[in-house]
């Protein structure tokens, strides 16, 4: 399954998907930018484009204990770590109308491409995801209070049009194997009488 670079690879894959789907003519040849942001980037944001800000990582509870993969040498890997990546997709522009167009376009693009395949996920770094793995990107629910709290922390009460999304299920595989005991050679029964 995915290596520990899976979180970064998933975020970069979403940005690459938007970048590759962008046609300048659709926005009066506006040169849109596409980036993964950290909090400091919000202090000096791009002029026009879309940013992705990963603000929360949750354990995906729908997968109780996904078993580890059996390796080539026959050893069993430790259980996988299933994660949900919660992020904000933010539209940037000086004019409200262009900002709204960018937001609508980005949402439509993700709706049209809800599954990220290894061919895209592995462009950040090769062999992060195995050939059968995918990551789904869907709209998320975020209360107005939580949204404003994020912006209060990021840019001191300056709100920017953003849409919450979740990427799931990113399953990070352990590099450790399960230590198994040796084969049973002899069974010994030890029956004792219980006294009260």
C-alpha atoms as a PDB file:
ATOM      1  CA  UNK A   1       0.000   0.000   0.000  1.00  0.00           C
ATOM      2  CA  UNK A   2       0.995   3.644   0.200  1.00  0.00           C
ATOM      3  CA  UNK A   3       4.220   4.812   1.804  1.00  0.00           C
ATOM      4  CA  UNK A   4       4.525   7.587   4.385  1.00  0.00           C
ATOM      5  CA  UNK A   5       4.724  10.111   1.500  1.00  0.00           C
ATOM      6  CA  UNK A   6       1.049   9.418   0.684  1.00  0.00           C
ATOM      7  CA  UNK A   7      -0.299  12.547   2.415  1.00  0.00           C
ATOM      8  CA  UNK A   8       1.971  14.872   0.446  1.00  0.00           C
ATOM      9  CA  UNK A   9       1.406  12.904  -2.768  1.00  0.00           C
ATOM     10  CA  UNK A  10      -2.401  13.132  -2.402  1.00  0.00           C
ATOM     11  CA  UNK A  11      -2.351  16.911  -1.909  1.00  0.00           C
ATOM     12  CA  UNK A  12       0.029  17.416  -4.825  1.00  0.00           C
ATOM     13  CA  UNK A  13      -2.111  15.152  -7.034  1.00  0.00           C
ATOM     14  CA  UNK A  14      -5.196  17.343  -6.471  1.00  0.00           C
ATOM     15  CA  UNK A  15      -3.225  20.475  -7.367  1.00  0.00           C
ATOM     16  CA  UNK A  16      -1.793  18.758 -10.465  1.00  0.00           C
ATOM     17  CA  UNK A  17      -5.276  17.660 -11.532  1.00  0.00           C
ATOM     18  CA  UNK A  18      -6.532  21.263 -11.365  1.00  0.00           C
ATOM     19  CA  UNK A  19      -3.431  22.607 -13.111  1.00  0.00           C
ATOM     20  CA  UNK A  20      -3.703  20.106 -15.980  1.00  0.00           C
ATOM     21  CA  UNK A  21      -7.451  20.783 -16.392  1.00  0.00           C
ATOM     22  CA  UNK A  22      -7.007  24.561 -16.543  1.00  0.00           C
ATOM     23  CA  UNK A  23      -7.575  26.292 -19.901  1.00  0.00           C
ATOM     24  CA  UNK A  24      -6.540  29.992 -19.835  1.00  0.00           C
ATOM     25  CA  UNK A  25      -9.153  30.918 -22.481  1.00  0.00           C
ATOM     26  CA  UNK A  26     -11.929  29.965 -20.018  1.00  0.00           C
ATOM     27  CA  UNK A  27     -10.783  32.798 -17.732  1.00  0.00           C
ATOM     28  CA  UNK A  28     -10.007  35.548 -20.289  1.00  0.00           C
ATOM     29  CA  UNK A  29      -6.409  34.299 -20.376  1.00  0.00           C
ATOM     30  CA  UNK A  30      -5.919  34.984 -16.657  1.00  0.00           C
ATOM     31  CA  UNK A  31      -2.708  33.219 -15.524  1.00  0.00           C
ATOM     32  CA  UNK A  32      -4.036  31.078 -12.679  1.00  0.00           C
ATOM     33  CA  UNK A  33      -1.674  29.587 -10.131  1.00  0.00           C
ATOM     34  CA  UNK A  34      -2.183  26.278  -8.273  1.00  0.00           C
ATOM     35  CA  UNK A  35      -0.356  25.528  -5.006  1.00  0.00           C
ATOM     36  CA  UNK A  36      -0.444  23.565  -1.775  1.00  0.00           C
ATOM     37  CA  UNK A  37      -0.385  26.142   1.034  1.00  0.00           C
ATOM     38  CA  UNK A  38       0.975  26.226   4.562  1.00  0.00           C
ATOM     39  CA  UNK A  39      -0.315  28.881   7.023  1.00  0.00           C
ATOM     40  CA  UNK A  40       2.456  31.382   6.217  1.00  0.00           C
ATOM     41  CA  UNK A  41       1.396  31.438   2.539  1.00  0.00           C
ATOM     42  CA  UNK A  42      -1.905  33.076   3.499  1.00  0.00           C
ATOM     43  CA  UNK A  43      -0.067  36.206   4.622  1.00  0.00           C
ATOM     44  CA  UNK A  44       1.125  36.824   1.058  1.00  0.00           C
ATOM     45  CA  UNK A  45      -1.277  34.848  -1.169  1.00  0.00           C
ATOM     46  CA  UNK A  46      -1.295  34.418  -4.927  1.00  0.00           C
ATOM     47  CA  UNK A  47      -3.135  36.992  -7.061  1.00  0.00           C
ATOM     48  CA  UNK A  48      -5.313  34.546  -8.991  1.00  0.00           C
ATOM     49  CA  UNK A  49      -5.698  30.802  -8.696  1.00  0.00           C
ATOM     50  CA  UNK A  50      -6.481  27.980  -6.311  1.00  0.00           C
ATOM     51  CA  UNK A  51      -4.743  26.907  -3.126  1.00  0.00           C
ATOM     52  CA  UNK A  52      -5.128  23.687  -1.183  1.00  0.00           C
ATOM     53  CA  UNK A  53      -4.658  23.879   2.580  1.00  0.00           C
ATOM     54  CA  UNK A  54      -4.589  20.624   4.568  1.00  0.00           C
ATOM     55  CA  UNK A  55      -5.999  21.563   7.971  1.00  0.00           C
ATOM     56  CA  UNK A  56      -6.843  18.206   9.550  1.00  0.00           C
ATOM     57  CA  UNK A  57      -5.969  14.513   9.291  1.00  0.00           C
ATOM     58  CA  UNK A  58      -8.343  11.960  10.808  1.00  0.00           C
ATOM     59  CA  UNK A  59      -8.186   8.236  11.274  1.00  0.00           C
ATOM     60  CA  UNK A  60     -10.758   6.622   8.968  1.00  0.00           C
ATOM     61  CA  UNK A  61     -12.926   4.618  11.333  1.00  0.00           C
ATOM     62  CA  UNK A  62     -14.718   2.653   8.609  1.00  0.00           C
ATOM     63  CA  UNK A  63     -11.647   0.427   8.287  1.00  0.00           C
ATOM     64  CA  UNK A  64     -11.245  -1.240  11.681  1.00  0.00           C
ATOM     65  CA  UNK A  65      -7.843  -2.833  11.346  1.00  0.00           C
ATOM     66  CA  UNK A  66      -6.846  -3.198   7.718  1.00  0.00           C
ATOM     67  CA  UNK A  67      -4.451  -6.150   7.517  1.00  0.00           C
ATOM     68  CA  UNK A  68      -0.908  -5.612   6.339  1.00  0.00           C
ATOM     69  CA  UNK A  69       0.282  -6.898   3.012  1.00  0.00           C
ATOM     70  CA  UNK A  70       2.120 -10.192   2.672  1.00  0.00           C
ATOM     71  CA  UNK A  71       5.565  -9.348   1.359  1.00  0.00           C
ATOM     72  CA  UNK A  72       7.601 -11.173  -1.281  1.00  0.00           C
ATOM     73  CA  UNK A  73       9.579 -13.079   1.357  1.00  0.00           C
ATOM     74  CA  UNK A  74       6.325 -14.337   2.927  1.00  0.00           C
ATOM     75  CA  UNK A  75       6.449 -12.053   5.963  1.00  0.00           C
ATOM     76  CA  UNK A  76       3.261 -10.265   6.930  1.00  0.00           C
ATOM     77  CA  UNK A  77       3.327  -6.467   7.217  1.00  0.00           C
ATOM     78  CA  UNK A  78       1.835  -4.654  10.192  1.00  0.00           C
ATOM     79  CA  UNK A  79      -1.670  -3.223   9.914  1.00  0.00           C
ATOM     80  CA  UNK A  80      -2.234  -0.251   7.591  1.00  0.00           C
ATOM     81  CA  UNK A  81      -3.054   3.222   8.873  1.00  0.00           C
ATOM     82  CA  UNK A  82      -6.265   4.412   7.095  1.00  0.00           C
ATOM     83  CA  UNK A  83      -6.572   8.221   6.960  1.00  0.00           C
ATOM     84  CA  UNK A  84      -8.933  10.959   5.816  1.00  0.00           C
ATOM     85  CA  UNK A  85      -7.319  14.212   4.659  1.00  0.00           C
ATOM     86  CA  UNK A  86      -9.483  17.291   5.282  1.00  0.00           C
ATOM     87  CA  UNK A  87      -8.532  20.338   3.267  1.00  0.00           C
ATOM     88  CA  UNK A  88      -9.793  23.715   2.119  1.00  0.00           C
ATOM     89  CA  UNK A  89      -9.788  24.590  -1.550  1.00  0.00           C
ATOM     90  CA  UNK A  90      -9.537  28.380  -1.750  1.00  0.00           C
ATOM     91  CA  UNK A  91     -10.232  30.532  -4.824  1.00  0.00           C
ATOM     92  CA  UNK A  92      -8.075  33.650  -5.184  1.00  0.00           C
ATOM     93  CA  UNK A  93      -8.741  36.691  -7.388  1.00  0.00           C
ATOM     94  CA  UNK A  94      -8.868  40.469  -7.073  1.00  0.00           C
ATOM     95  CA  UNK A  95     -12.401  40.637  -8.492  1.00  0.00           C
ATOM     96  CA  UNK A  96     -15.307  38.778  -6.903  1.00  0.00           C
ATOM     97  CA  UNK A  97     -16.716  37.596 -10.230  1.00  0.00           C
ATOM     98  CA  UNK A  98     -13.430  35.935 -11.232  1.00  0.00           C
ATOM     99  CA  UNK A  99     -13.085  34.430  -7.763  1.00  0.00           C
ATOM    100  CA  UNK A 100     -16.557  32.916  -8.085  1.00  0.00           C
ATOM    101  CA  UNK A 101     -15.767  31.550 -11.552  1.00  0.00           C
ATOM    102  CA  UNK A 102     -12.570  29.948 -10.287  1.00  0.00           C
ATOM    103  CA  UNK A 103     -14.397  28.346  -7.331  1.00  0.00           C
ATOM    104  CA  UNK A 104     -17.160  26.963  -9.551  1.00  0.00           C
ATOM    105  CA  UNK A 105     -14.667  25.619 -12.081  1.00  0.00           C
ATOM    106  CA  UNK A 106     -12.491  23.961  -9.409  1.00  0.00           C
ATOM    107  CA  UNK A 107     -15.512  22.312  -7.783  1.00  0.00           C
ATOM    108  CA  UNK A 108     -16.791  21.054 -11.130  1.00  0.00           C
ATOM    109  CA  UNK A 109     -13.338  19.704 -12.007  1.00  0.00           C
ATOM    110  CA  UNK A 110     -13.120  17.717  -8.766  1.00  0.00           C
ATOM    111  CA  UNK A 111     -16.686  16.482  -9.181  1.00  0.00           C
ATOM    112  CA  UNK A 112     -15.820  15.259 -12.693  1.00  0.00           C
ATOM    113  CA  UNK A 113     -12.665  13.539 -11.395  1.00  0.00           C
ATOM    114  CA  UNK A 114     -13.620  12.188  -7.961  1.00  0.00           C
ATOM    115  CA  UNK A 115     -11.068   9.368  -7.993  1.00  0.00           C
ATOM    116  CA  UNK A 116      -7.313   9.922  -8.069  1.00  0.00           C
ATOM    117  CA  UNK A 117      -5.475   7.036  -9.729  1.00  0.00           C
ATOM    118  CA  UNK A 118      -1.847   5.954  -9.136  1.00  0.00           C
ATOM    119  CA  UNK A 119      -0.767   7.481 -12.455  1.00  0.00           C
ATOM    120  CA  UNK A 120      -1.566  10.906 -10.945  1.00  0.00           C
ATOM    121  CA  UNK A 121      -0.813  10.123  -7.295  1.00  0.00           C
ATOM    122  CA  UNK A 122       2.709   8.923  -8.133  1.00  0.00           C
ATOM    123  CA  UNK A 123       3.738  12.029 -10.095  1.00  0.00           C
ATOM    124  CA  UNK A 124       4.874  13.689  -6.861  1.00  0.00           C
ATOM    125  CA  UNK A 125       7.229  10.800  -6.104  1.00  0.00           C
ATOM    126  CA  UNK A 126       7.346   7.410  -7.864  1.00  0.00           C
ATOM    127  CA  UNK A 127       6.017   4.270  -6.179  1.00  0.00           C
ATOM    128  CA  UNK A 128       4.235   5.988  -3.274  1.00  0.00           C
ATOM    129  CA  UNK A 129       0.958   4.250  -4.183  1.00  0.00           C
ATOM    130  CA  UNK A 130       0.683   0.708  -5.507  1.00  0.00           C
ATOM    131  CA  UNK A 131      -1.029   0.124  -8.898  1.00  0.00           C
ATOM    132  CA  UNK A 132      -4.367  -0.955  -7.378  1.00  0.00           C
ATOM    133  CA  UNK A 133      -4.742   1.966  -4.947  1.00  0.00           C
ATOM    134  CA  UNK A 134      -6.943   5.032  -5.425  1.00  0.00           C
ATOM    135  CA  UNK A 135      -7.975   8.040  -3.343  1.00  0.00           C
ATOM    136  CA  UNK A 136     -11.498   9.494  -3.481  1.00  0.00           C
ATOM    137  CA  UNK A 137     -12.025  13.272  -3.216  1.00  0.00           C
ATOM    138  CA  UNK A 138     -15.469  14.413  -2.048  1.00  0.00           C
ATOM    139  CA  UNK A 139     -17.104  17.552  -0.686  1.00  0.00           C
ATOM    140  CA  UNK A 140     -17.057  17.712   3.098  1.00  0.00           C
ATOM    141  CA  UNK A 141     -19.197  19.314   5.765  1.00  0.00           C
ATOM    142  CA  UNK A 142     -17.676  22.102   7.830  1.00  0.00           C
ATOM    143  CA  UNK A 143     -19.738  24.334  10.094  1.00  0.00           C
ATOM    144  CA  UNK A 144     -19.641  28.086   9.578  1.00  0.00           C
ATOM    145  CA  UNK A 145     -18.161  28.424  13.059  1.00  0.00           C
ATOM    146  CA  UNK A 146     -15.331  25.983  12.261  1.00  0.00           C
ATOM    147  CA  UNK A 147     -14.677  27.667   8.915  1.00  0.00           C
ATOM    148  CA  UNK A 148     -14.413  31.108  10.498  1.00  0.00           C
ATOM    149  CA  UNK A 149     -12.249  29.721  13.279  1.00  0.00           C
ATOM    150  CA  UNK A 150      -9.758  28.426  10.693  1.00  0.00           C
ATOM    151  CA  UNK A 151      -9.648  31.832   9.022  1.00  0.00           C
ATOM    152  CA  UNK A 152      -9.360  33.598  12.373  1.00  0.00           C
ATOM    153  CA  UNK A 153      -6.194  31.609  13.059  1.00  0.00           C
ATOM    154  CA  UNK A 154      -4.836  31.932   9.509  1.00  0.00           C
ATOM    155  CA  UNK A 155      -5.312  35.592   8.617  1.00  0.00           C
ATOM    156  CA  UNK A 156      -6.790  37.392  11.568  1.00  0.00           C
ATOM    157  CA  UNK A 157     -10.496  37.376  10.621  1.00  0.00           C
ATOM    158  CA  UNK A 158      -9.952  37.975   6.871  1.00  0.00           C
ATOM    159  CA  UNK A 159     -12.214  35.417   5.195  1.00  0.00           C
ATOM    160  CA  UNK A 160     -11.493  34.079   1.710  1.00  0.00           C
ATOM    161  CA  UNK A 161     -13.948  32.026  -0.355  1.00  0.00           C
ATOM    162  CA  UNK A 162     -13.141  28.374   0.427  1.00  0.00           C
ATOM    163  CA  UNK A 163     -14.710  24.960  -0.030  1.00  0.00           C
ATOM    164  CA  UNK A 164     -14.100  22.035   2.367  1.00  0.00           C
ATOM    165  CA  UNK A 165     -13.132  18.660   0.888  1.00  0.00           C
ATOM    166  CA  UNK A 166     -11.976  15.297   2.175  1.00  0.00           C
ATOM    167  CA  UNK A 167      -9.634  12.850   0.447  1.00  0.00           C
ATOM    168  CA  UNK A 168     -10.110   9.261   1.571  1.00  0.00           C
ATOM    169  CA  UNK A 169      -9.016   6.524   2.172  1.00  0.00           C
ATOM    170  CA  UNK A 170      -5.260   7.030   2.239  1.00  0.00           C
ATOM    171  CA  UNK A 171      -3.834   3.803   3.689  1.00  0.00           C
ATOM    172  CA  UNK A 172      -0.263   4.152   4.868  1.00  0.00           C
ATOM    173  CA  UNK A 173       1.605   0.887   5.086  1.00  0.00           C
ATOM    174  CA  UNK A 174       4.119   0.094   7.818  1.00  0.00           C
ATOM    175  CA  UNK A 175       7.715  -0.740   6.962  1.00  0.00           C
ATOM    176  CA  UNK A 176       7.767  -3.179   9.906  1.00  0.00           C
ATOM    177  CA  UNK A 177       6.663  -6.793   9.771  1.00  0.00           C
ATOM    178  CA  UNK A 178       4.723  -8.852  12.286  1.00  0.00           C
ATOM    179  CA  UNK A 179       6.999 -11.047  14.371  1.00  0.00           C
ATOM    180  CA  UNK A 180       5.519 -14.515  14.268  1.00  0.00           C
ATOM    181  CA  UNK A 181       6.352 -17.344  16.608  1.00  0.00           C
ATOM    182  CA  UNK A 182       7.918 -20.553  15.364  1.00  0.00           C
ATOM    183  CA  UNK A 183       5.997 -23.655  14.399  1.00  0.00           C
ATOM    184  CA  UNK A 184       4.430 -25.690  17.212  1.00  0.00           C
ATOM    185  CA  UNK A 185       6.524 -28.819  17.766  1.00  0.00           C
ATOM    186  CA  UNK A 186       4.875 -30.350  20.804  1.00  0.00           C
ATOM    187  CA  UNK A 187       1.611 -29.917  22.640  1.00  0.00           C
ATOM    188  CA  UNK A 188       1.479 -30.359  26.350  1.00  0.00           C
ATOM    189  CA  UNK A 189      -1.846 -30.649  28.122  1.00  0.00           C
ATOM    190  CA  UNK A 190      -1.850 -29.551  31.737  1.00  0.00           C
ATOM    191  CA  UNK A 191      -5.159 -30.361  33.390  1.00  0.00           C
ATOM    192  CA  UNK A 192      -5.547 -29.495  37.046  1.00  0.00           C
ATOM    193  CA  UNK A 193      -8.380 -29.877  39.449  1.00  0.00           C
ATOM    194  CA  UNK A 194      -9.826 -26.593  40.667  1.00  0.00           C
ATOM    195  CA  UNK A 195     -10.410 -26.542  44.395  1.00  0.00           C
ATOM    196  CA  UNK A 196     -12.790 -24.136  46.052  1.00  0.00           C
END
